[in-house]
N, C-alpha and C. Protein backbone atom coordinates (compact mmCIF):
# COMPACT_ATOMS: atom_id res chain seq x y z
N MET A 1 14.60 -2.17 110.74
CA MET A 1 13.55 -2.04 111.72
C MET A 1 12.27 -2.63 111.14
N PRO A 2 11.77 -3.69 111.72
CA PRO A 2 10.58 -4.37 111.19
C PRO A 2 9.32 -3.55 111.43
N GLN A 3 8.45 -3.55 110.44
CA GLN A 3 7.18 -2.85 110.57
C GLN A 3 6.15 -3.82 111.13
N LYS A 4 5.17 -3.25 111.84
CA LYS A 4 4.06 -4.11 112.27
C LYS A 4 3.26 -4.49 111.04
N LYS A 5 2.83 -5.71 110.99
CA LYS A 5 2.09 -6.16 109.81
C LYS A 5 0.63 -6.41 110.15
N LYS A 6 0.14 -5.60 111.09
CA LYS A 6 -1.26 -5.70 111.49
C LYS A 6 -1.80 -4.29 111.68
N LEU A 7 -3.01 -4.07 111.20
CA LEU A 7 -3.63 -2.75 111.30
C LEU A 7 -4.37 -2.61 112.62
N SER A 8 -4.52 -1.37 113.05
CA SER A 8 -5.36 -1.10 114.22
C SER A 8 -6.82 -1.32 113.82
N GLU A 9 -7.69 -1.35 114.79
CA GLU A 9 -9.12 -1.54 114.49
C GLU A 9 -9.64 -0.40 113.62
N LYS A 10 -9.24 0.84 113.93
CA LYS A 10 -9.68 1.99 113.15
C LYS A 10 -9.14 1.92 111.72
N GLU A 11 -7.86 1.58 111.55
CA GLU A 11 -7.28 1.45 110.21
C GLU A 11 -8.01 0.38 109.41
N THR A 12 -8.35 -0.73 110.06
CA THR A 12 -9.07 -1.82 109.40
C THR A 12 -10.45 -1.36 108.93
N ILE A 13 -11.18 -0.71 109.81
CA ILE A 13 -12.53 -0.24 109.47
C ILE A 13 -12.45 0.78 108.33
N ASP A 14 -11.52 1.73 108.44
CA ASP A 14 -11.38 2.75 107.39
C ASP A 14 -11.01 2.13 106.04
N LEU A 15 -10.06 1.18 106.06
CA LEU A 15 -9.64 0.54 104.81
C LEU A 15 -10.78 -0.26 104.19
N LEU A 16 -11.48 -1.05 105.00
CA LEU A 16 -12.59 -1.85 104.47
C LEU A 16 -13.66 -0.94 103.87
N ASP A 17 -13.88 0.21 104.48
CA ASP A 17 -14.86 1.17 103.94
C ASP A 17 -14.40 1.70 102.57
N ILE A 18 -13.13 2.07 102.47
CA ILE A 18 -12.58 2.56 101.19
C ILE A 18 -12.69 1.47 100.12
N LEU A 19 -12.30 0.25 100.47
CA LEU A 19 -12.34 -0.85 99.50
C LEU A 19 -13.76 -1.15 99.06
N GLN A 20 -14.72 -1.12 100.01
CA GLN A 20 -16.11 -1.39 99.66
C GLN A 20 -16.65 -0.30 98.73
N GLN A 21 -16.36 0.96 99.02
CA GLN A 21 -16.82 2.05 98.15
C GLN A 21 -16.24 1.90 96.74
N ARG A 22 -14.95 1.57 96.65
CA ARG A 22 -14.31 1.40 95.34
C ARG A 22 -14.93 0.20 94.62
N PHE A 23 -15.17 -0.88 95.36
CA PHE A 23 -15.79 -2.08 94.80
C PHE A 23 -17.15 -1.75 94.18
N GLU A 24 -17.97 -1.01 94.92
CA GLU A 24 -19.31 -0.66 94.45
C GLU A 24 -19.28 0.32 93.28
N LYS A 25 -18.29 1.20 93.27
CA LYS A 25 -18.17 2.21 92.22
C LYS A 25 -17.67 1.61 90.90
N ASN A 26 -16.97 0.49 90.95
CA ASN A 26 -16.32 -0.09 89.77
C ASN A 26 -16.76 -1.53 89.53
N LYS A 27 -18.05 -1.74 89.45
CA LYS A 27 -18.61 -3.09 89.28
C LYS A 27 -18.09 -3.80 88.03
N ASN A 28 -17.73 -3.04 87.01
CA ASN A 28 -17.25 -3.65 85.77
C ASN A 28 -15.96 -4.46 85.98
N ARG A 29 -15.24 -4.17 87.04
CA ARG A 29 -13.98 -4.89 87.31
C ARG A 29 -14.21 -6.26 87.95
N HIS A 30 -15.40 -6.48 88.50
CA HIS A 30 -15.63 -7.71 89.25
C HIS A 30 -17.11 -8.12 89.23
N GLU A 31 -17.63 -8.26 88.03
CA GLU A 31 -19.03 -8.67 87.90
C GLU A 31 -19.22 -10.02 88.57
N ASN A 32 -20.38 -10.19 89.18
CA ASN A 32 -20.78 -11.45 89.83
C ASN A 32 -20.00 -11.78 91.10
N LEU A 33 -19.25 -10.82 91.67
CA LEU A 33 -18.58 -11.06 92.94
C LEU A 33 -19.36 -10.35 94.04
N ASP A 34 -19.36 -10.96 95.23
CA ASP A 34 -20.14 -10.49 96.36
C ASP A 34 -19.20 -9.86 97.40
N TRP A 35 -19.42 -8.57 97.69
CA TRP A 35 -18.54 -7.87 98.63
C TRP A 35 -18.51 -8.56 100.00
N SER A 36 -19.62 -9.05 100.48
CA SER A 36 -19.65 -9.65 101.84
C SER A 36 -18.70 -10.84 101.94
N LYS A 37 -18.57 -11.62 100.88
CA LYS A 37 -17.63 -12.75 100.89
C LYS A 37 -16.18 -12.25 100.87
N ILE A 38 -15.94 -11.20 100.11
CA ILE A 38 -14.59 -10.63 100.04
C ILE A 38 -14.21 -10.03 101.39
N GLU A 39 -15.14 -9.30 101.98
CA GLU A 39 -14.87 -8.68 103.29
C GLU A 39 -14.60 -9.75 104.35
N ALA A 40 -15.34 -10.83 104.33
CA ALA A 40 -15.11 -11.91 105.30
C ALA A 40 -13.72 -12.51 105.12
N LYS A 41 -13.32 -12.70 103.88
CA LYS A 41 -12.00 -13.25 103.58
C LYS A 41 -10.90 -12.28 104.04
N LEU A 42 -11.10 -11.00 103.79
CA LEU A 42 -10.13 -9.99 104.22
C LEU A 42 -10.03 -9.94 105.75
N SER A 43 -11.17 -9.97 106.41
CA SER A 43 -11.18 -9.91 107.88
C SER A 43 -10.47 -11.09 108.51
N ALA A 44 -10.47 -12.21 107.82
CA ALA A 44 -9.80 -13.42 108.32
C ALA A 44 -8.31 -13.44 108.00
N ASN A 45 -7.83 -12.44 107.24
CA ASN A 45 -6.42 -12.39 106.82
C ASN A 45 -5.81 -11.02 107.12
N PRO A 46 -5.47 -10.74 108.39
CA PRO A 46 -4.96 -9.42 108.75
C PRO A 46 -3.68 -9.02 108.01
N SER A 47 -2.82 -9.98 107.67
CA SER A 47 -1.59 -9.62 106.96
C SER A 47 -1.90 -9.16 105.53
N LYS A 48 -2.94 -9.72 104.93
CA LYS A 48 -3.35 -9.30 103.59
C LYS A 48 -3.98 -7.90 103.64
N LEU A 49 -4.73 -7.64 104.71
CA LEU A 49 -5.29 -6.29 104.89
C LEU A 49 -4.15 -5.28 105.04
N TRP A 50 -3.11 -5.66 105.77
CA TRP A 50 -1.95 -4.79 105.94
C TRP A 50 -1.33 -4.47 104.57
N SER A 51 -1.21 -5.48 103.71
CA SER A 51 -0.65 -5.27 102.38
C SER A 51 -1.54 -4.34 101.55
N LEU A 52 -2.85 -4.53 101.63
CA LEU A 52 -3.77 -3.65 100.91
C LEU A 52 -3.65 -2.21 101.43
N TYR A 53 -3.42 -2.07 102.71
CA TYR A 53 -3.23 -0.75 103.32
C TYR A 53 -1.98 -0.08 102.74
N GLN A 54 -0.92 -0.86 102.56
CA GLN A 54 0.31 -0.33 101.96
C GLN A 54 0.05 0.08 100.51
N MET A 55 -0.71 -0.73 99.79
CA MET A 55 -1.06 -0.40 98.40
C MET A 55 -1.84 0.91 98.37
N GLU A 56 -2.82 1.03 99.26
CA GLU A 56 -3.66 2.22 99.31
C GLU A 56 -2.84 3.46 99.68
N ASN A 57 -2.04 3.35 100.72
CA ASN A 57 -1.28 4.51 101.21
C ASN A 57 -0.22 5.01 100.25
N SER A 58 0.20 4.16 99.33
CA SER A 58 1.20 4.59 98.34
C SER A 58 0.55 5.02 97.03
N GLY A 59 -0.78 5.13 97.03
CA GLY A 59 -1.49 5.67 95.87
C GLY A 59 -1.99 4.65 94.87
N GLY A 60 -2.00 3.37 95.23
CA GLY A 60 -2.36 2.33 94.27
C GLY A 60 -3.84 2.12 94.02
N GLU A 61 -4.69 2.56 94.96
CA GLU A 61 -6.13 2.35 94.82
C GLU A 61 -6.47 0.90 94.48
N PRO A 62 -6.11 -0.05 95.36
CA PRO A 62 -6.37 -1.46 95.06
C PRO A 62 -7.86 -1.79 94.94
N ASP A 63 -8.15 -2.72 94.05
CA ASP A 63 -9.53 -3.16 93.85
C ASP A 63 -9.50 -4.63 93.41
N VAL A 64 -10.60 -5.31 93.66
CA VAL A 64 -10.74 -6.71 93.24
C VAL A 64 -10.93 -6.73 91.73
N VAL A 65 -10.14 -7.57 91.05
CA VAL A 65 -10.27 -7.66 89.60
C VAL A 65 -10.61 -9.07 89.12
N ASP A 66 -10.55 -10.04 90.03
CA ASP A 66 -10.84 -11.42 89.61
C ASP A 66 -10.98 -12.32 90.83
N TYR A 67 -11.48 -13.51 90.59
CA TYR A 67 -11.59 -14.54 91.62
C TYR A 67 -11.10 -15.85 91.02
N ASP A 68 -10.18 -16.51 91.69
CA ASP A 68 -9.64 -17.80 91.23
C ASP A 68 -10.37 -18.91 91.97
N LYS A 69 -11.26 -19.61 91.26
CA LYS A 69 -12.06 -20.68 91.87
C LYS A 69 -11.20 -21.84 92.37
N LYS A 70 -10.13 -22.15 91.64
CA LYS A 70 -9.26 -23.27 92.02
C LYS A 70 -8.61 -23.06 93.38
N THR A 71 -8.13 -21.84 93.61
CA THR A 71 -7.42 -21.56 94.86
C THR A 71 -8.30 -20.84 95.88
N ASP A 72 -9.54 -20.51 95.50
CA ASP A 72 -10.46 -19.76 96.35
C ASP A 72 -9.81 -18.45 96.81
N GLU A 73 -9.25 -17.70 95.84
CA GLU A 73 -8.59 -16.43 96.17
C GLU A 73 -9.16 -15.30 95.33
N TYR A 74 -9.36 -14.17 96.00
CA TYR A 74 -9.72 -12.93 95.32
C TYR A 74 -8.42 -12.25 94.92
N ILE A 75 -8.41 -11.65 93.73
CA ILE A 75 -7.20 -11.04 93.20
C ILE A 75 -7.39 -9.53 93.14
N PHE A 76 -6.49 -8.82 93.82
CA PHE A 76 -6.50 -7.37 93.85
C PHE A 76 -5.34 -6.85 93.01
N PHE A 77 -5.60 -5.80 92.23
CA PHE A 77 -4.57 -5.08 91.49
C PHE A 77 -4.60 -3.63 91.94
N ASP A 78 -3.49 -2.92 91.80
CA ASP A 78 -3.50 -1.47 91.91
C ASP A 78 -4.27 -0.94 90.72
N CYS A 79 -5.32 -0.17 90.96
CA CYS A 79 -6.17 0.32 89.88
C CYS A 79 -6.18 1.84 89.77
N SER A 80 -5.17 2.50 90.31
CA SER A 80 -5.07 3.95 90.14
C SER A 80 -4.92 4.23 88.64
N VAL A 81 -5.49 5.34 88.19
CA VAL A 81 -5.46 5.66 86.77
C VAL A 81 -4.01 5.78 86.28
N GLU A 82 -3.17 6.46 87.05
CA GLU A 82 -1.75 6.57 86.72
C GLU A 82 -0.95 5.72 87.71
N SER A 83 0.31 5.51 87.44
CA SER A 83 1.13 4.67 88.32
C SER A 83 1.14 5.28 89.73
N PRO A 84 1.14 4.45 90.76
CA PRO A 84 1.04 4.94 92.14
C PRO A 84 2.14 5.95 92.49
N LYS A 85 1.72 7.12 92.94
CA LYS A 85 2.65 8.22 93.21
C LYS A 85 3.69 7.87 94.28
N GLY A 86 3.31 7.11 95.27
CA GLY A 86 4.22 6.79 96.36
C GLY A 86 5.26 5.74 96.02
N ARG A 87 5.27 5.26 94.76
CA ARG A 87 6.21 4.22 94.35
C ARG A 87 6.96 4.60 93.08
N ARG A 88 7.03 5.85 92.77
CA ARG A 88 7.71 6.29 91.55
C ARG A 88 9.19 6.55 91.81
N SER A 89 9.92 6.62 90.71
CA SER A 89 11.36 6.92 90.75
C SER A 89 12.17 5.83 91.45
N PHE A 90 11.78 4.58 91.26
CA PHE A 90 12.54 3.43 91.77
C PHE A 90 13.15 2.70 90.58
N CYS A 91 14.36 2.18 90.75
CA CYS A 91 14.91 1.31 89.72
C CYS A 91 14.29 -0.09 89.89
N TYR A 92 14.70 -1.06 89.07
CA TYR A 92 14.00 -2.34 89.03
C TYR A 92 14.25 -3.23 90.26
N ASP A 93 15.51 -3.52 90.58
CA ASP A 93 15.78 -4.43 91.69
C ASP A 93 17.01 -4.00 92.48
N ARG A 94 17.30 -4.73 93.56
CA ARG A 94 18.40 -4.36 94.45
C ARG A 94 19.75 -4.41 93.72
N GLU A 95 19.93 -5.39 92.86
CA GLU A 95 21.18 -5.48 92.09
C GLU A 95 21.39 -4.20 91.27
N ALA A 96 20.34 -3.72 90.64
CA ALA A 96 20.43 -2.49 89.84
C ALA A 96 20.70 -1.28 90.74
N LEU A 97 20.05 -1.23 91.88
CA LEU A 97 20.26 -0.13 92.82
C LEU A 97 21.71 -0.11 93.30
N ASP A 98 22.22 -1.28 93.67
CA ASP A 98 23.59 -1.37 94.16
C ASP A 98 24.61 -1.03 93.08
N ALA A 99 24.26 -1.27 91.81
CA ALA A 99 25.18 -1.00 90.70
C ALA A 99 25.32 0.49 90.39
N ARG A 100 24.34 1.29 90.82
CA ARG A 100 24.41 2.74 90.55
C ARG A 100 25.50 3.36 91.42
N LYS A 101 26.37 4.11 90.80
CA LYS A 101 27.46 4.76 91.54
C LYS A 101 27.01 6.07 92.17
N GLU A 102 26.13 6.79 91.48
CA GLU A 102 25.64 8.07 92.00
C GLU A 102 24.19 8.26 91.58
N HIS A 103 23.54 9.24 92.20
CA HIS A 103 22.13 9.54 91.93
C HIS A 103 21.26 8.30 92.13
N LYS A 104 21.49 7.61 93.24
CA LYS A 104 20.71 6.40 93.51
C LYS A 104 19.27 6.77 93.86
N PRO A 105 18.33 6.00 93.35
CA PRO A 105 16.94 6.23 93.76
C PRO A 105 16.73 5.79 95.21
N GLN A 106 15.60 6.13 95.75
CA GLN A 106 15.29 5.82 97.15
C GLN A 106 15.15 4.31 97.39
N ASN A 107 14.69 3.57 96.39
CA ASN A 107 14.44 2.13 96.56
C ASN A 107 14.36 1.48 95.19
N ASP A 108 14.10 0.19 95.20
CA ASP A 108 13.86 -0.55 93.96
C ASP A 108 12.50 -1.22 94.06
N VAL A 109 11.90 -1.51 92.91
CA VAL A 109 10.52 -2.01 92.91
C VAL A 109 10.39 -3.42 93.48
N ILE A 110 11.35 -4.29 93.25
CA ILE A 110 11.24 -5.66 93.76
C ILE A 110 11.28 -5.65 95.28
N THR A 111 12.19 -4.87 95.87
CA THR A 111 12.27 -4.78 97.33
C THR A 111 11.02 -4.13 97.90
N ALA A 112 10.57 -3.04 97.28
CA ALA A 112 9.38 -2.34 97.77
C ALA A 112 8.15 -3.25 97.73
N ALA A 113 8.00 -3.99 96.64
CA ALA A 113 6.86 -4.91 96.52
C ALA A 113 6.92 -5.98 97.61
N LYS A 114 8.09 -6.54 97.82
CA LYS A 114 8.26 -7.57 98.85
C LYS A 114 7.94 -7.01 100.24
N GLU A 115 8.43 -5.80 100.52
CA GLU A 115 8.14 -5.17 101.81
C GLU A 115 6.65 -4.94 102.01
N MET A 116 5.93 -4.68 100.92
CA MET A 116 4.48 -4.46 100.98
C MET A 116 3.70 -5.77 101.03
N GLY A 117 4.35 -6.89 100.70
CA GLY A 117 3.66 -8.18 100.67
C GLY A 117 2.90 -8.42 99.38
N VAL A 118 3.34 -7.78 98.28
CA VAL A 118 2.69 -7.94 96.98
C VAL A 118 3.73 -8.36 95.95
N GLU A 119 3.26 -8.66 94.74
CA GLU A 119 4.15 -8.96 93.62
C GLU A 119 3.87 -7.96 92.50
N LEU A 120 4.84 -7.80 91.62
CA LEU A 120 4.63 -6.96 90.44
C LEU A 120 3.68 -7.66 89.49
N LEU A 121 2.91 -6.87 88.75
CA LEU A 121 2.07 -7.46 87.71
C LEU A 121 2.97 -8.05 86.63
N SER A 122 2.53 -9.15 86.07
CA SER A 122 3.19 -9.72 84.89
C SER A 122 2.64 -8.99 83.66
N GLU A 123 3.23 -9.23 82.52
CA GLU A 123 2.70 -8.62 81.29
C GLU A 123 1.25 -9.05 81.06
N GLU A 124 0.97 -10.32 81.26
CA GLU A 124 -0.39 -10.82 81.08
C GLU A 124 -1.37 -10.13 82.03
N GLN A 125 -0.98 -9.98 83.29
CA GLN A 125 -1.84 -9.31 84.26
C GLN A 125 -2.02 -7.84 83.91
N TYR A 126 -0.95 -7.19 83.43
CA TYR A 126 -1.03 -5.79 83.04
C TYR A 126 -2.02 -5.62 81.88
N ARG A 127 -1.94 -6.51 80.92
CA ARG A 127 -2.88 -6.44 79.78
C ARG A 127 -4.32 -6.69 80.24
N TYR A 128 -4.48 -7.59 81.21
CA TYR A 128 -5.82 -7.84 81.76
C TYR A 128 -6.34 -6.56 82.44
N LEU A 129 -5.50 -5.92 83.23
CA LEU A 129 -5.89 -4.67 83.88
C LEU A 129 -6.37 -3.67 82.83
N GLN A 130 -5.65 -3.57 81.73
CA GLN A 130 -6.01 -2.62 80.68
C GLN A 130 -7.33 -2.97 80.00
N SER A 131 -7.76 -4.22 80.10
CA SER A 131 -9.07 -4.60 79.55
C SER A 131 -10.21 -4.08 80.44
N LEU A 132 -9.87 -3.65 81.66
CA LEU A 132 -10.88 -3.17 82.61
C LEU A 132 -11.02 -1.65 82.61
N GLY A 133 -10.15 -0.97 81.88
CA GLY A 133 -10.17 0.49 81.85
C GLY A 133 -8.95 1.01 81.13
N LYS A 134 -8.72 2.31 81.25
CA LYS A 134 -7.56 2.93 80.62
C LYS A 134 -6.63 3.42 81.72
N PHE A 135 -5.46 2.80 81.80
CA PHE A 135 -4.50 3.08 82.85
C PHE A 135 -3.16 3.48 82.24
N ASN A 136 -2.39 4.26 82.99
CA ASN A 136 -1.05 4.68 82.56
C ASN A 136 -1.08 5.42 81.22
N LEU A 137 -1.95 6.41 81.11
CA LEU A 137 -1.99 7.21 79.89
C LEU A 137 -0.88 8.27 79.88
N LYS A 138 -0.36 8.61 81.06
CA LYS A 138 0.71 9.60 81.17
C LYS A 138 1.93 9.05 81.88
N THR A 139 1.81 7.92 82.52
CA THR A 139 2.90 7.32 83.30
C THR A 139 3.16 5.91 82.77
N SER A 140 4.08 5.22 83.40
CA SER A 140 4.36 3.83 83.03
C SER A 140 4.57 3.01 84.29
N SER A 141 4.55 1.69 84.15
CA SER A 141 4.71 0.79 85.29
C SER A 141 5.68 -0.35 84.96
N TRP A 142 6.67 -0.54 85.85
CA TRP A 142 7.53 -1.72 85.72
C TRP A 142 6.67 -2.96 85.82
N ILE A 143 7.02 -4.01 85.12
CA ILE A 143 6.34 -5.30 85.22
C ILE A 143 7.37 -6.39 85.52
N LYS A 144 6.87 -7.54 85.91
CA LYS A 144 7.74 -8.68 86.19
C LYS A 144 8.54 -8.99 84.92
N THR A 145 9.85 -9.04 85.08
CA THR A 145 10.75 -9.21 83.93
C THR A 145 11.28 -10.64 83.89
N PRO A 146 11.23 -11.29 82.73
CA PRO A 146 11.79 -12.64 82.62
C PRO A 146 13.28 -12.65 82.97
N ARG A 147 13.71 -13.73 83.58
CA ARG A 147 15.09 -13.87 84.05
C ARG A 147 16.12 -13.63 82.95
N ASN A 148 15.87 -14.18 81.75
CA ASN A 148 16.86 -14.04 80.67
C ASN A 148 17.08 -12.57 80.28
N ILE A 149 16.05 -11.75 80.36
CA ILE A 149 16.20 -10.32 80.07
C ILE A 149 16.93 -9.63 81.22
N ARG A 150 16.54 -9.98 82.44
CA ARG A 150 17.16 -9.34 83.61
C ARG A 150 18.65 -9.69 83.71
N GLU A 151 19.01 -10.93 83.37
CA GLU A 151 20.42 -11.34 83.44
C GLU A 151 21.30 -10.56 82.47
N LEU A 152 20.69 -9.99 81.44
CA LEU A 152 21.43 -9.18 80.48
C LEU A 152 21.39 -7.68 80.82
N GLY A 153 20.82 -7.37 81.99
CA GLY A 153 20.81 -5.99 82.46
C GLY A 153 19.54 -5.21 82.19
N GLY A 154 18.56 -5.85 81.57
CA GLY A 154 17.33 -5.14 81.21
C GLY A 154 16.19 -5.40 82.16
N ALA A 155 15.14 -4.62 81.99
CA ALA A 155 13.89 -4.78 82.73
C ALA A 155 12.77 -4.24 81.84
N LEU A 156 11.55 -4.73 82.08
CA LEU A 156 10.41 -4.36 81.24
C LEU A 156 9.45 -3.42 81.97
N PHE A 157 8.81 -2.57 81.20
CA PHE A 157 7.74 -1.73 81.72
C PHE A 157 6.68 -1.57 80.65
N CYS A 158 5.49 -1.12 81.06
CA CYS A 158 4.36 -0.97 80.15
C CYS A 158 3.68 0.38 80.36
N ASP A 159 2.95 0.78 79.35
CA ASP A 159 2.05 1.91 79.45
C ASP A 159 0.98 1.76 78.38
N ARG A 160 0.08 2.74 78.33
CA ARG A 160 -0.97 2.74 77.31
C ARG A 160 -0.91 4.07 76.58
N ARG A 161 -0.67 4.01 75.29
CA ARG A 161 -0.66 5.18 74.44
C ARG A 161 -1.38 4.83 73.15
N TYR A 162 -2.03 5.80 72.55
CA TYR A 162 -2.72 5.58 71.26
C TYR A 162 -3.69 4.41 71.33
N ASN A 163 -4.32 4.27 72.51
CA ASN A 163 -5.29 3.20 72.75
C ASN A 163 -4.68 1.80 72.57
N THR A 164 -3.39 1.69 72.83
CA THR A 164 -2.66 0.43 72.68
C THR A 164 -1.76 0.24 73.89
N VAL A 165 -1.64 -0.99 74.37
CA VAL A 165 -0.72 -1.31 75.46
C VAL A 165 0.64 -1.63 74.85
N PHE A 166 1.65 -0.91 75.32
CA PHE A 166 3.02 -1.12 74.84
C PHE A 166 3.87 -1.73 75.95
N VAL A 167 4.76 -2.64 75.56
CA VAL A 167 5.76 -3.20 76.45
C VAL A 167 7.12 -2.70 75.95
N TYR A 168 7.90 -2.14 76.86
CA TYR A 168 9.20 -1.59 76.52
C TYR A 168 10.28 -2.20 77.40
N HIS A 169 11.51 -1.83 77.10
CA HIS A 169 12.64 -2.26 77.92
C HIS A 169 13.47 -1.04 78.30
N ASN A 170 14.20 -1.19 79.39
CA ASN A 170 15.13 -0.17 79.86
C ASN A 170 16.22 -0.90 80.62
N GLY A 171 17.31 -0.22 80.89
CA GLY A 171 18.28 -0.78 81.82
C GLY A 171 17.63 -0.86 83.18
N ALA A 172 17.85 -1.94 83.90
CA ALA A 172 17.21 -2.14 85.20
C ALA A 172 17.59 -1.06 86.21
N GLU A 173 18.74 -0.40 86.00
CA GLU A 173 19.18 0.62 86.95
C GLU A 173 18.52 1.98 86.69
N SER A 174 17.76 2.11 85.60
CA SER A 174 17.12 3.39 85.29
C SER A 174 15.92 3.63 86.21
N TYR A 175 15.58 4.89 86.35
CA TYR A 175 14.38 5.24 87.10
C TYR A 175 13.87 6.59 86.60
N TYR A 176 12.56 6.78 86.68
CA TYR A 176 11.93 7.97 86.13
C TYR A 176 10.81 8.44 87.05
N ALA A 177 10.60 9.74 87.08
CA ALA A 177 9.57 10.33 87.93
C ALA A 177 8.16 9.88 87.55
N ALA A 178 7.97 9.40 86.34
CA ALA A 178 6.65 8.97 85.89
C ALA A 178 6.51 7.45 85.83
N ARG A 179 7.45 6.71 86.42
CA ARG A 179 7.37 5.24 86.39
C ARG A 179 7.36 4.69 87.80
N ALA A 180 6.41 3.81 88.06
CA ALA A 180 6.30 3.13 89.35
C ALA A 180 6.09 1.64 89.08
N PHE A 181 5.35 0.99 89.94
CA PHE A 181 4.96 -0.39 89.70
C PHE A 181 3.57 -0.59 90.25
N ARG A 182 2.88 -1.54 89.65
CA ARG A 182 1.55 -1.94 90.12
C ARG A 182 1.67 -3.31 90.74
N GLY A 183 1.00 -3.46 91.88
CA GLY A 183 1.07 -4.72 92.61
C GLY A 183 -0.16 -5.58 92.40
N VAL A 184 0.04 -6.87 92.68
CA VAL A 184 -1.04 -7.85 92.71
C VAL A 184 -0.99 -8.54 94.06
N LEU A 185 -2.17 -8.74 94.65
CA LEU A 185 -2.29 -9.42 95.92
C LEU A 185 -3.43 -10.42 95.83
N LYS A 186 -3.15 -11.63 96.27
CA LYS A 186 -4.18 -12.68 96.29
C LYS A 186 -4.61 -12.95 97.72
N VAL A 187 -5.93 -12.93 97.94
CA VAL A 187 -6.47 -13.11 99.29
C VAL A 187 -7.46 -14.26 99.27
């Protein structure tokens, strides 16, 4: 059953208000960026607003973290302190989900991200996020896994402990109540 990929006028206004408040509260994440330009870009891209709404509703607290001058795109990451609550206990991808014989999780992160219209953070993006604050002190987040690791049955995740960002591996079919994924969206 396909979901509508457009917000109502009220949902749009409410989301833009939340995003603007978060933007103003966390200036360190996006120094020298102008909210009015970001808002205009968002208003011109209803499908991107829909994706941000999905990020917000699943606990991601999306915020602008960068601007790519080459592509003229604002980059949003999930900036919740811990991994988004609405996306926890998922295995890595559909192949891993299908391979589980019992105790299957509700979904997998690759499918969930695609349904939301976002991508998983890469290791580089995750480390960049950690330069903007302290995230995942009690939880962890799946990250984009290189093909050669995934083909061998593994998947990567990250967290921050002891003031250090760690990258770990697990079987792609594993899932944990304290592990979710963080998305990236370019607008």
